[in-house]
PDB file of N, CA and C in Angstrom:
ATOM      1  N   MET A   1      98.448 126.478 106.110  1.00  0.00           N
ATOM      2  CA  MET A   1      98.193 125.738 104.954  1.00  0.00           C
ATOM      3  C   MET A   1      96.628 125.175 105.353  1.00  0.00           C
ATOM      4  N   ILE A   2      96.110 124.988 104.378  1.00  0.00           N
ATOM      5  CA  ILE A   2      94.545 124.514 104.543  1.00  0.00           C
ATOM      6  C   ILE A   2      94.424 122.867 104.184  1.00  0.00           C
ATOM      7  N   ILE A   3      94.025 122.035 105.276  1.00  0.00           N
ATOM      8  CA  ILE A   3      93.805 120.962 104.682  1.00  0.00           C
ATOM      9  C   ILE A   3      92.717 120.229 104.030  1.00  0.00           C
ATOM     10  N   ASP A   4      92.319 119.840 102.951  1.00  0.00           N
ATOM     11  CA  ASP A   4      91.149 119.437 102.382  1.00  0.00           C
ATOM     12  C   ASP A   4      91.036 118.127 102.214  1.00  0.00           C
ATOM     13  N   TRP A   5      90.065 117.601 102.915  1.00  0.00           N
ATOM     14  CA  TRP A   5      89.876 115.942 102.660  1.00  0.00           C
ATOM     15  C   TRP A   5      88.810 115.778 101.712  1.00  0.00           C
ATOM     16  N   LEU A   6      89.512 115.026 100.416  1.00  0.00           N
ATOM     17  CA  LEU A   6      88.604 114.932  99.259  1.00  0.00           C
ATOM     18  C   LEU A   6      87.387 113.925  99.369  1.00  0.00           C
ATOM     19  N   PRO A   7      86.289 113.693  98.901  1.00  0.00           N
ATOM     20  CA  PRO A   7      85.124 112.992  99.391  1.00  0.00           C
ATOM     21  C   PRO A   7      85.670 111.248  99.782  1.00  0.00           C
ATOM     22  N   ALA A   8      86.496 110.869  98.654  1.00  0.00           N
ATOM     23  CA  ALA A   8      87.140 109.682  98.612  1.00  0.00           C
ATOM     24  C   ALA A   8      88.136 109.481 100.045  1.00  0.00           C
ATOM     25  N   ALA A   9      88.784 110.151 100.050  1.00  0.00           N
ATOM     26  CA  ALA A   9      89.197 110.197 101.761  1.00  0.00           C
ATOM     27  C   ALA A   9      88.226 110.201 102.786  1.00  0.00           C
ATOM     28  N   LEU A  10      87.509 111.122 102.809  1.00  0.00           N
ATOM     29  CA  LEU A  10      86.365 110.806 104.152  1.00  0.00           C
ATOM     30  C   LEU A  10      85.847 109.813 103.886  1.00  0.00           C
ATOM     31  N   ARG A  11      85.510 108.778 102.857  1.00  0.00           N
ATOM     32  CA  ARG A  11      84.659 107.781 102.933  1.00  0.00           C
ATOM     33  C   ARG A  11      85.487 106.689 103.545  1.00  0.00           C
ATOM     34  N   ASN A  12      87.135 106.688 103.082  1.00  0.00           N
ATOM     35  CA  ASN A  12      88.177 105.764 103.527  1.00  0.00           C
ATOM     36  C   ASN A  12      87.945 106.024 105.151  1.00  0.00           C
ATOM     37  N   ARG A  13      88.086 106.965 105.464  1.00  0.00           N
ATOM     38  CA  ARG A  13      88.551 107.386 106.662  1.00  0.00           C
ATOM     39  C   ARG A  13      87.069 106.888 107.637  1.00  0.00           C
ATOM     40  N   PHE A  14      85.857 107.440 107.201  1.00  0.00           N
ATOM     41  CA  PHE A  14      84.723 106.727 108.159  1.00  0.00           C
ATOM     42  C   PHE A  14      84.337 105.368 108.225  1.00  0.00           C
ATOM     43  N   ASP A  15      84.778 104.752 106.852  1.00  0.00           N
ATOM     44  CA  ASP A  15      84.354 103.408 106.675  1.00  0.00           C
ATOM     45  C   ASP A  15      85.450 102.505 107.697  1.00  0.00           C
ATOM     46  N   GLN A  16      86.663 102.766 107.584  1.00  0.00           N
ATOM     47  CA  GLN A  16      87.809 102.100 108.289  1.00  0.00           C
ATOM     48  C   GLN A  16      87.806 102.056 109.797  1.00  0.00           C
ATOM     49  N   LEU A  17      87.180 103.363 110.153  1.00  0.00           N
ATOM     50  CA  LEU A  17      86.598 103.408 111.640  1.00  0.00           C
ATOM     51  C   LEU A  17      85.381 102.863 112.183  1.00  0.00           C
ATOM     52  N   ASP A  18      84.109 103.099 110.959  1.00  0.00           N
ATOM     53  CA  ASP A  18      83.098 102.469 111.631  1.00  0.00           C
ATOM     54  C   ASP A  18      83.567 101.135 111.583  1.00  0.00           C
ATOM     55  N   TYR A  19      84.366 100.062 110.725  1.00  0.00           N
ATOM     56  CA  TYR A  19      84.720  98.760 110.761  1.00  0.00           C
ATOM     57  C   TYR A  19      85.187  98.508 112.535  1.00  0.00           C
ATOM     58  N   ILE A  20      85.869  99.234 112.652  1.00  0.00           N
ATOM     59  CA  ILE A  20      86.910  99.178 113.969  1.00  0.00           C
ATOM     60  C   ILE A  20      85.763  99.305 115.003  1.00  0.00           C
ATOM     61  N   ALA A  21      85.511 100.320 114.913  1.00  0.00           N
ATOM     62  CA  ALA A  21      84.020 100.738 116.201  1.00  0.00           C
ATOM     63  C   ALA A  21      83.110  99.700 116.331  1.00  0.00           C
ATOM     64  N   GLU A  22      82.880  98.728 115.380  1.00  0.00           N
ATOM     65  CA  GLU A  22      81.931  97.405 115.670  1.00  0.00           C
ATOM     66  C   GLU A  22      82.313  96.573 116.726  1.00  0.00           C
ATOM     67  N   ASP A  23      83.469  96.571 116.903  1.00  0.00           N
ATOM     68  CA  ASP A  23      84.059  95.660 117.760  1.00  0.00           C
ATOM     69  C   ASP A  23      84.687  96.520 118.861  1.00  0.00           C
ATOM     70  N   ASN A  24      85.391  97.780 118.789  1.00  0.00           N
ATOM     71  CA  ASN A  24      85.737  98.429 119.923  1.00  0.00           C
ATOM     72  C   ASN A  24      85.610  99.919 119.450  1.00  0.00           C
ATOM     73  N   PRO A  25      84.648 100.623 119.841  1.00  0.00           N
ATOM     74  CA  PRO A  25      84.337 102.094 119.466  1.00  0.00           C
ATOM     75  C   PRO A  25      85.692 102.843 120.403  1.00  0.00           C
ATOM     76  N   LEU A  26      86.312 102.756 121.857  1.00  0.00           N
ATOM     77  CA  LEU A  26      86.999 103.434 122.147  1.00  0.00           C
ATOM     78  C   LEU A  26      88.329 103.291 121.256  1.00  0.00           C
ATOM     79  N   ALA A  27      88.709 102.145 120.700  1.00  0.00           N
ATOM     80  CA  ALA A  27      89.781 102.167 120.000  1.00  0.00           C
ATOM     81  C   ALA A  27      89.483 102.852 118.753  1.00  0.00           C
ATOM     82  N   ALA A  28      88.417 102.978 118.232  1.00  0.00           N
ATOM     83  CA  ALA A  28      88.450 103.732 116.648  1.00  0.00           C
ATOM     84  C   ALA A  28      88.541 105.232 117.038  1.00  0.00           C
ATOM     85  N   ALA A  29      87.932 105.408 118.250  1.00  0.00           N
ATOM     86  CA  ALA A  29      87.968 106.841 118.632  1.00  0.00           C
ATOM     87  C   ALA A  29      89.341 107.478 118.854  1.00  0.00           C
ATOM     88  N   ASP A  30      90.219 106.332 119.696  1.00  0.00           N
ATOM     89  CA  ASP A  30      91.725 106.800 119.677  1.00  0.00           C
ATOM     90  C   ASP A  30      92.023 106.684 118.396  1.00  0.00           C
ATOM     91  N   GLN A  31      92.134 106.356 117.475  1.00  0.00           N
ATOM     92  CA  GLN A  31      92.382 106.127 115.977  1.00  0.00           C
ATOM     93  C   GLN A  31      92.314 107.541 115.473  1.00  0.00           C
ATOM     94  N   ASP A  32      90.975 107.812 115.070  1.00  0.00           N
ATOM     95  CA  ASP A  32      90.506 108.719 114.689  1.00  0.00           C
ATOM     96  C   ASP A  32      91.340 110.376 115.199  1.00  0.00           C
ATOM     97  N   ASP A  33      91.466 110.047 116.729  1.00  0.00           N
ATOM     98  CA  ASP A  33      92.185 111.177 116.878  1.00  0.00           C
ATOM     99  C   ASP A  33      93.732 111.629 116.587  1.00  0.00           C
ATOM    100  N   GLU A  34      94.254 109.915 116.766  1.00  0.00           N
ATOM    101  CA  GLU A  34      95.284 110.087 115.977  1.00  0.00           C
ATOM    102  C   GLU A  34      95.695 110.592 114.796  1.00  0.00           C
ATOM    103  N   ILE A  35      94.862 110.020 113.752  1.00  0.00           N
ATOM    104  CA  ILE A  35      94.805 110.103 112.768  1.00  0.00           C
ATOM    105  C   ILE A  35      94.671 111.868 112.654  1.00  0.00           C
ATOM    106  N   GLU A  36      93.649 112.609 113.107  1.00  0.00           N
ATOM    107  CA  GLU A  36      93.547 113.836 113.047  1.00  0.00           C
ATOM    108  C   GLU A  36      94.994 114.733 113.489  1.00  0.00           C
ATOM    109  N   ARG A  37      95.366 114.250 114.483  1.00  0.00           N
ATOM    110  CA  ARG A  37      96.767 114.829 115.407  1.00  0.00           C
ATOM    111  C   ARG A  37      97.628 114.814 114.151  1.00  0.00           C
ATOM    112  N   GLN A  38      98.319 113.914 113.696  1.00  0.00           N
ATOM    113  CA  GLN A  38      99.278 113.752 112.614  1.00  0.00           C
ATOM    114  C   GLN A  38      98.995 114.553 111.341  1.00  0.00           C
ATOM    115  N   VAL A  39      97.518 114.234 110.765  1.00  0.00           N
ATOM    116  CA  VAL A  39      97.087 115.267 109.659  1.00  0.00           C
ATOM    117  C   VAL A  39      97.603 116.722 109.839  1.00  0.00           C
ATOM    118  N   ASN A  40      97.209 117.033 110.990  1.00  0.00           N
ATOM    119  CA  ASN A  40      97.519 118.649 111.363  1.00  0.00           C
ATOM    120  C   ASN A  40      98.936 118.898 111.359  1.00  0.00           C
ATOM    121  N   MET A  41      99.445 118.126 111.866  1.00  0.00           N
ATOM    122  CA  MET A  41     101.136 118.279 112.041  1.00  0.00           C
ATOM    123  C   MET A  41     101.492 118.607 110.471  1.00  0.00           C
ATOM    124  N   LEU A  42     100.459 118.259 109.485  1.00  0.00           N
ATOM    125  CA  LEU A  42     101.295 118.376 107.755  1.00  0.00           C
ATOM    126  C   LEU A  42     101.113 119.950 107.763  1.00  0.00           C
ATOM    127  N   GLN A  43      99.954 120.732 108.426  1.00  0.00           N
ATOM    128  CA  GLN A  43     100.301 122.201 107.913  1.00  0.00           C
ATOM    129  C   GLN A  43     101.329 122.694 108.529  1.00  0.00           C
ATOM    130  N   ASP A  44     102.163 122.520 109.211  1.00  0.00           N
ATOM    131  CA  ASP A  44     103.916 122.860 109.579  1.00  0.00           C
ATOM    132  C   ASP A  44     104.654 122.328 108.929  1.00  0.00           C
ATOM    133  N   HIS A  45     104.481 120.954 108.460  1.00  0.00           N
ATOM    134  CA  HIS A  45     105.629 120.363 107.676  1.00  0.00           C
ATOM    135  C   HIS A  45     105.000 119.315 106.686  1.00  0.00           C
ATOM    136  N   PRO A  46     104.821 119.780 105.576  1.00  0.00           N
ATOM    137  CA  PRO A  46     103.705 119.340 104.461  1.00  0.00           C
ATOM    138  C   PRO A  46     104.425 118.056 103.715  1.00  0.00           C
ATOM    139  N   LYS A  47     105.640 118.113 103.737  1.00  0.00           N
ATOM    140  CA  LYS A  47     106.733 117.012 103.174  1.00  0.00           C
ATOM    141  C   LYS A  47     107.018 116.092 104.110  1.00  0.00           C
ATOM    142  N   MET A  48     106.551 116.293 105.281  1.00  0.00           N
ATOM    143  CA  MET A  48     106.740 114.961 106.382  1.00  0.00           C
ATOM    144  C   MET A  48     106.599 113.525 105.982  1.00  0.00           C
ATOM    145  N   GLY A  49     105.685 113.504 104.956  1.00  0.00           N
ATOM    146  CA  GLY A  49     105.489 112.270 104.313  1.00  0.00           C
ATOM    147  C   GLY A  49     106.342 111.902 103.374  1.00  0.00           C
ATOM    148  N   ARG A  50     106.610 110.331 102.961  1.00  0.00           N
ATOM    149  CA  ARG A  50     107.612 109.857 102.086  1.00  0.00           C
ATOM    150  C   ARG A  50     107.029 110.230 100.691  1.00  0.00           C
ATOM    151  N   PRO A  51     107.534 110.394  99.658  1.00  0.00           N
ATOM    152  CA  PRO A  51     107.312 110.526  98.266  1.00  0.00           C
ATOM    153  C   PRO A  51     106.236 109.324  98.025  1.00  0.00           C
ATOM    154  N   GLY A  52     105.234 109.601  97.464  1.00  0.00           N
ATOM    155  CA  GLY A  52     104.027 108.470  97.117  1.00  0.00           C
ATOM    156  C   GLY A  52     104.552 107.463  95.942  1.00  0.00           C
ATOM    157  N   ARG A  53     104.009 106.605  95.940  1.00  0.00           N
ATOM    158  CA  ARG A  53     103.895 105.628  95.064  1.00  0.00           C
ATOM    159  C   ARG A  53     103.269 106.114  93.571  1.00  0.00           C
ATOM    160  N   VAL A  54     102.583 107.098  93.986  1.00  0.00           N
ATOM    161  CA  VAL A  54     101.775 107.539  92.556  1.00  0.00           C
ATOM    162  C   VAL A  54     102.030 109.001  92.331  1.00  0.00           C
ATOM    163  N   LYS A  55     102.947 109.256  91.148  1.00  0.00           N
ATOM    164  CA  LYS A  55     103.457 110.521  91.063  1.00  0.00           C
ATOM    165  C   LYS A  55     102.531 111.774  91.334  1.00  0.00           C
ATOM    166  N   GLY A  56     103.430 112.489  91.705  1.00  0.00           N
ATOM    167  CA  GLY A  56     103.007 113.902  92.790  1.00  0.00           C
ATOM    168  C   GLY A  56     102.301 113.611  94.053  1.00  0.00           C
ATOM    169  N   THR A  57     102.318 112.376  94.651  1.00  0.00           N
ATOM    170  CA  THR A  57     101.766 112.359  95.807  1.00  0.00           C
ATOM    171  C   THR A  57     103.058 111.991  96.819  1.00  0.00           C
ATOM    172  N   ARG A  58     102.306 112.200  98.233  1.00  0.00           N
ATOM    173  CA  ARG A  58     103.121 111.646  99.182  1.00  0.00           C
ATOM    174  C   ARG A  58     102.152 110.890 100.217  1.00  0.00           C
ATOM    175  N   GLU A  59     102.974 110.225 101.087  1.00  0.00           N
ATOM    176  CA  GLU A  59     102.474 109.470 101.937  1.00  0.00           C
ATOM    177  C   GLU A  59     102.963 109.616 103.066  1.00  0.00           C
ATOM    178  N   LEU A  60     101.685 109.843 104.226  1.00  0.00           N
ATOM    179  CA  LEU A  60     101.974 109.463 105.734  1.00  0.00           C
ATOM    180  C   LEU A  60     101.931 108.273 106.132  1.00  0.00           C
ATOM    181  N   VAL A  61     102.750 107.784 106.778  1.00  0.00           N
ATOM    182  CA  VAL A  61     102.095 106.680 107.832  1.00  0.00           C
ATOM    183  C   VAL A  61     101.963 107.047 109.105  1.00  0.00           C
ATOM    184  N   ILE A  62     100.688 106.757 109.400  1.00  0.00           N
ATOM    185  CA  ILE A  62      99.958 107.253 110.516  1.00  0.00           C
ATOM    186  C   ILE A  62     100.489 106.220 111.835  1.00  0.00           C
ATOM    187  N   SER A  63     101.571 107.023 112.300  1.00  0.00           N
ATOM    188  CA  SER A  63     102.245 106.062 113.385  1.00  0.00           C
ATOM    189  C   SER A  63     100.975 105.624 114.596  1.00  0.00           C
ATOM    190  N   GLY A  64     101.163 104.286 114.999  1.00  0.00           N
ATOM    191  CA  GLY A  64      99.984 103.902 115.772  1.00  0.00           C
ATOM    192  C   GLY A  64      98.986 103.475 115.217  1.00  0.00           C
ATOM    193  N   THR A  65      98.826 103.257 114.144  1.00  0.00           N
ATOM    194  CA  THR A  65      97.830 102.700 113.957  1.00  0.00           C
ATOM    195  C   THR A  65      98.172 102.145 112.822  1.00  0.00           C
ATOM    196  N   PRO A  66      97.176 101.464 111.641  1.00  0.00           N
ATOM    197  CA  PRO A  66      97.502 100.811 110.343  1.00  0.00           C
ATOM    198  C   PRO A  66      97.203 101.431 109.362  1.00  0.00           C
ATOM    199  N   PHE A  67      97.151 102.809 109.254  1.00  0.00           N
ATOM    200  CA  PHE A  67      96.662 103.969 108.360  1.00  0.00           C
ATOM    201  C   PHE A  67      97.801 104.298 107.689  1.00  0.00           C
ATOM    202  N   VAL A  68      97.723 104.747 106.442  1.00  0.00           N
ATOM    203  CA  VAL A  68      98.632 105.373 105.357  1.00  0.00           C
ATOM    204  C   VAL A  68      97.670 106.328 104.678  1.00  0.00           C
ATOM    205  N   LEU A  69      98.107 107.609 105.042  1.00  0.00           N
ATOM    206  CA  LEU A  69      97.221 108.846 104.283  1.00  0.00           C
ATOM    207  C   LEU A  69      98.015 109.404 103.021  1.00  0.00           C
ATOM    208  N   VAL A  70      97.563 109.476 101.729  1.00  0.00           N
ATOM    209  CA  VAL A  70      97.549 109.895 100.866  1.00  0.00           C
ATOM    210  C   VAL A  70      97.453 110.974 100.491  1.00  0.00           C
ATOM    211  N   TYR A  71      98.291 111.819  99.867  1.00  0.00           N
ATOM    212  CA  TYR A  71      97.920 113.216 100.000  1.00  0.00           C
ATOM    213  C   TYR A  71      98.805 113.827  98.777  1.00  0.00           C
ATOM    214  N   ARG A  72      98.504 115.159  98.533  1.00  0.00           N
ATOM    215  CA  ARG A  72      99.293 115.886  97.478  1.00  0.00           C
ATOM    216  C   ARG A  72      99.208 117.363  97.898  1.00  0.00           C
ATOM    217  N   LEU A  73     100.365 118.102  97.543  1.00  0.00           N
ATOM    218  CA  LEU A  73     100.389 119.565  97.869  1.00  0.00           C
ATOM    219  C   LEU A  73     100.097 120.196  96.547  1.00  0.00           C
ATOM    220  N   LYS A  74      99.032 121.122  96.835  1.00  0.00           N
ATOM    221  CA  LYS A  74      98.579 121.738  95.872  1.00  0.00           C
ATOM    222  C   LYS A  74      99.036 123.507  96.235  1.00  0.00           C
ATOM    223  N   GLY A  75     100.049 123.819  95.628  1.00  0.00           N
ATOM    224  CA  GLY A  75     100.509 125.079  95.832  1.00  0.00           C
ATOM    225  C   GLY A  75     101.263 125.417  96.768  1.00  0.00           C
ATOM    226  N   GLN A  76     101.434 126.596  97.385  1.00  0.00           N
ATOM    227  CA  GLN A  76     101.665 126.664  99.109  1.00  0.00           C
ATOM    228  C   GLN A  76     100.952 126.729 100.153  1.00  0.00           C
ATOM    229  N   GLN A  77      99.620 126.491  99.556  1.00  0.00           N
ATOM    230  CA  GLN A  77      98.430 127.148 100.887  1.00  0.00           C
ATOM    231  C   GLN A  77      97.593 125.658 100.751  1.00  0.00           C
ATOM    232  N   ARG A  78      97.586 124.627 100.068  1.00  0.00           N
ATOM    233  CA  ARG A  78      96.558 123.530 100.339  1.00  0.00           C
ATOM    234  C   ARG A  78      97.246 122.276 100.131  1.00  0.00           C
ATOM    235  N   ILE A  79      96.728 121.498 101.197  1.00  0.00           N
ATOM    236  CA  ILE A  79      96.842 120.198 101.124  1.00  0.00           C
ATOM    237  C   ILE A  79      95.578 119.150 100.717  1.00  0.00           C
ATOM    238  N   GLU A  80      95.791 118.346  99.443  1.00  0.00           N
ATOM    239  CA  GLU A  80      94.540 117.325  99.492  1.00  0.00           C
ATOM    240  C   GLU A  80      94.782 116.184 100.031  1.00  0.00           C
ATOM    241  N   VAL A  81      93.802 115.514 100.594  1.00  0.00           N
ATOM    242  CA  VAL A  81      94.195 114.266 101.475  1.00  0.00           C
ATOM    243  C   VAL A  81      93.211 113.651  99.879  1.00  0.00           C
ATOM    244  N   LEU A  82      93.944 112.657  99.543  1.00  0.00           N
ATOM    245  CA  LEU A  82      93.245 111.932  98.237  1.00  0.00           C
ATOM    246  C   LEU A  82      92.783 110.530  99.060  1.00  0.00           C
ATOM    247  N   ARG A  83      93.317 110.106 100.150  1.00  0.00           N
ATOM    248  CA  ARG A  83      92.765 108.445 100.456  1.00  0.00           C
ATOM    249  C   ARG A  83      93.356 108.161 102.145  1.00  0.00           C
ATOM    250  N   LEU A  84      92.760 107.518 102.826  1.00  0.00           N
ATOM    251  CA  LEU A  84      93.125 106.930 103.580  1.00  0.00           C
ATOM    252  C   LEU A  84      93.075 105.483 103.762  1.00  0.00           C
ATOM    253  N   LEU A  85      93.929 104.759 103.569  1.00  0.00           N
ATOM    254  CA  LEU A  85      94.331 103.356 103.237  1.00  0.00           C
ATOM    255  C   LEU A  85      94.902 102.507 104.514  1.00  0.00           C
ATOM    256  N   HIS A  86      94.124 101.532 104.906  1.00  0.00           N
ATOM    257  CA  HIS A  86      94.838 100.403 105.644  1.00  0.00           C
ATOM    258  C   HIS A  86      96.111 100.051 105.082  1.00  0.00           C
ATOM    259  N   GLY A  87      96.996  99.857 105.906  1.00  0.00           N
ATOM    260  CA  GLY A  87      98.599  99.630 105.477  1.00  0.00           C
ATOM    261  C   GLY A  87      98.529  98.098 104.443  1.00  0.00           C
ATOM    262  N   SER A  88      97.657  96.924 104.608  1.00  0.00           N
ATOM    263  CA  SER A  88      97.567  96.158 103.907  1.00  0.00           C
ATOM    264  C   SER A  88      96.569  96.250 102.454  1.00  0.00           C
ATOM    265  N   GLN A  89      96.262  97.164 102.070  1.00  0.00           N
ATOM    266  CA  GLN A  89      95.766  97.520 101.001  1.00  0.00           C
ATOM    267  C   GLN A  89      97.271  97.658 100.002  1.00  0.00           C
ATOM    268  N   LEU A  90      96.156  97.181  98.777  1.00  0.00           N
ATOM    269  CA  LEU A  90      96.982  97.353  97.617  1.00  0.00           C
ATOM    270  C   LEU A  90      96.920  98.774  97.413  1.00  0.00           C
ATOM    271  N   TRP A  91      98.054  99.439  97.022  1.00  0.00           N
ATOM    272  CA  TRP A  91      98.287 100.671  96.596  1.00  0.00           C
ATOM    273  C   TRP A  91      99.136 101.147  95.614  1.00  0.00           C
ATOM    274  N   PRO A  92      99.537 101.513  94.723  1.00  0.00           N
ATOM    275  CA  PRO A  92      98.041 101.889  93.960  1.00  0.00           C
ATOM    276  C   PRO A  92      97.187 100.787  93.163  1.00  0.00           C
ATOM    277  N   PRO A  93      95.949 101.304  92.860  1.00  0.00           N
ATOM    278  CA  PRO A  93      95.160 100.272  91.934  1.00  0.00           C
ATOM    279  C   PRO A  93      96.138 100.110  90.487  1.00  0.00           C
ATOM    280  N   ALA A  94      96.116  98.441  90.219  1.00  0.00           N
ATOM    281  CA  ALA A  94      96.955  97.875  88.946  1.00  0.00           C
ATOM    282  C   ALA A  94      96.891  99.132  87.803  1.00  0.00           C
ATOM    283  N   ALA A  95      95.725 100.068  87.809  1.00  0.00           N
ATOM    284  CA  ALA A  95      95.497 100.725  86.453  1.00  0.00           C
ATOM    285  C   ALA A  95      96.583 101.782  86.434  1.00  0.00           C
ATOM    286  N   ARG A  96      97.065 102.309  87.809  1.00  0.00           N
ATOM    287  CA  ARG A  96      98.066 103.421  87.979  1.00  0.00           C
ATOM    288  C   ARG A  96      99.207 103.378  88.244  1.00  0.00           C
ATOM    289  N   ARG A  97      99.720 101.740  88.153  1.00  0.00           N
ATOM    290  CA  ARG A  97     101.002 101.532  88.570  1.00  0.00           C
ATOM    291  C   ARG A  97     102.067 101.790  87.410  1.00  0.00           C
TER     292      ARG A  97
END
């Protein structure tokens, strides 16, 4: 399966990790490694995330981090990563509830 990080998800990832890196660059690097490791597991287990709060999505709690990955399956060959959220963020936005 191909994992495709959409632009909004990449922005979320870099913004979140840049914020952490301001105080602790090693922690940011460790969390990025953990995000990458768990996202790569989706290639073999695409439904390992729970059903998402937005129809048609799934959510993977990235253990060992404060992050939740929002993704959707596109056919049998592709996973689209929609967002990488901090667990304290309000999701979905009010307009999508």
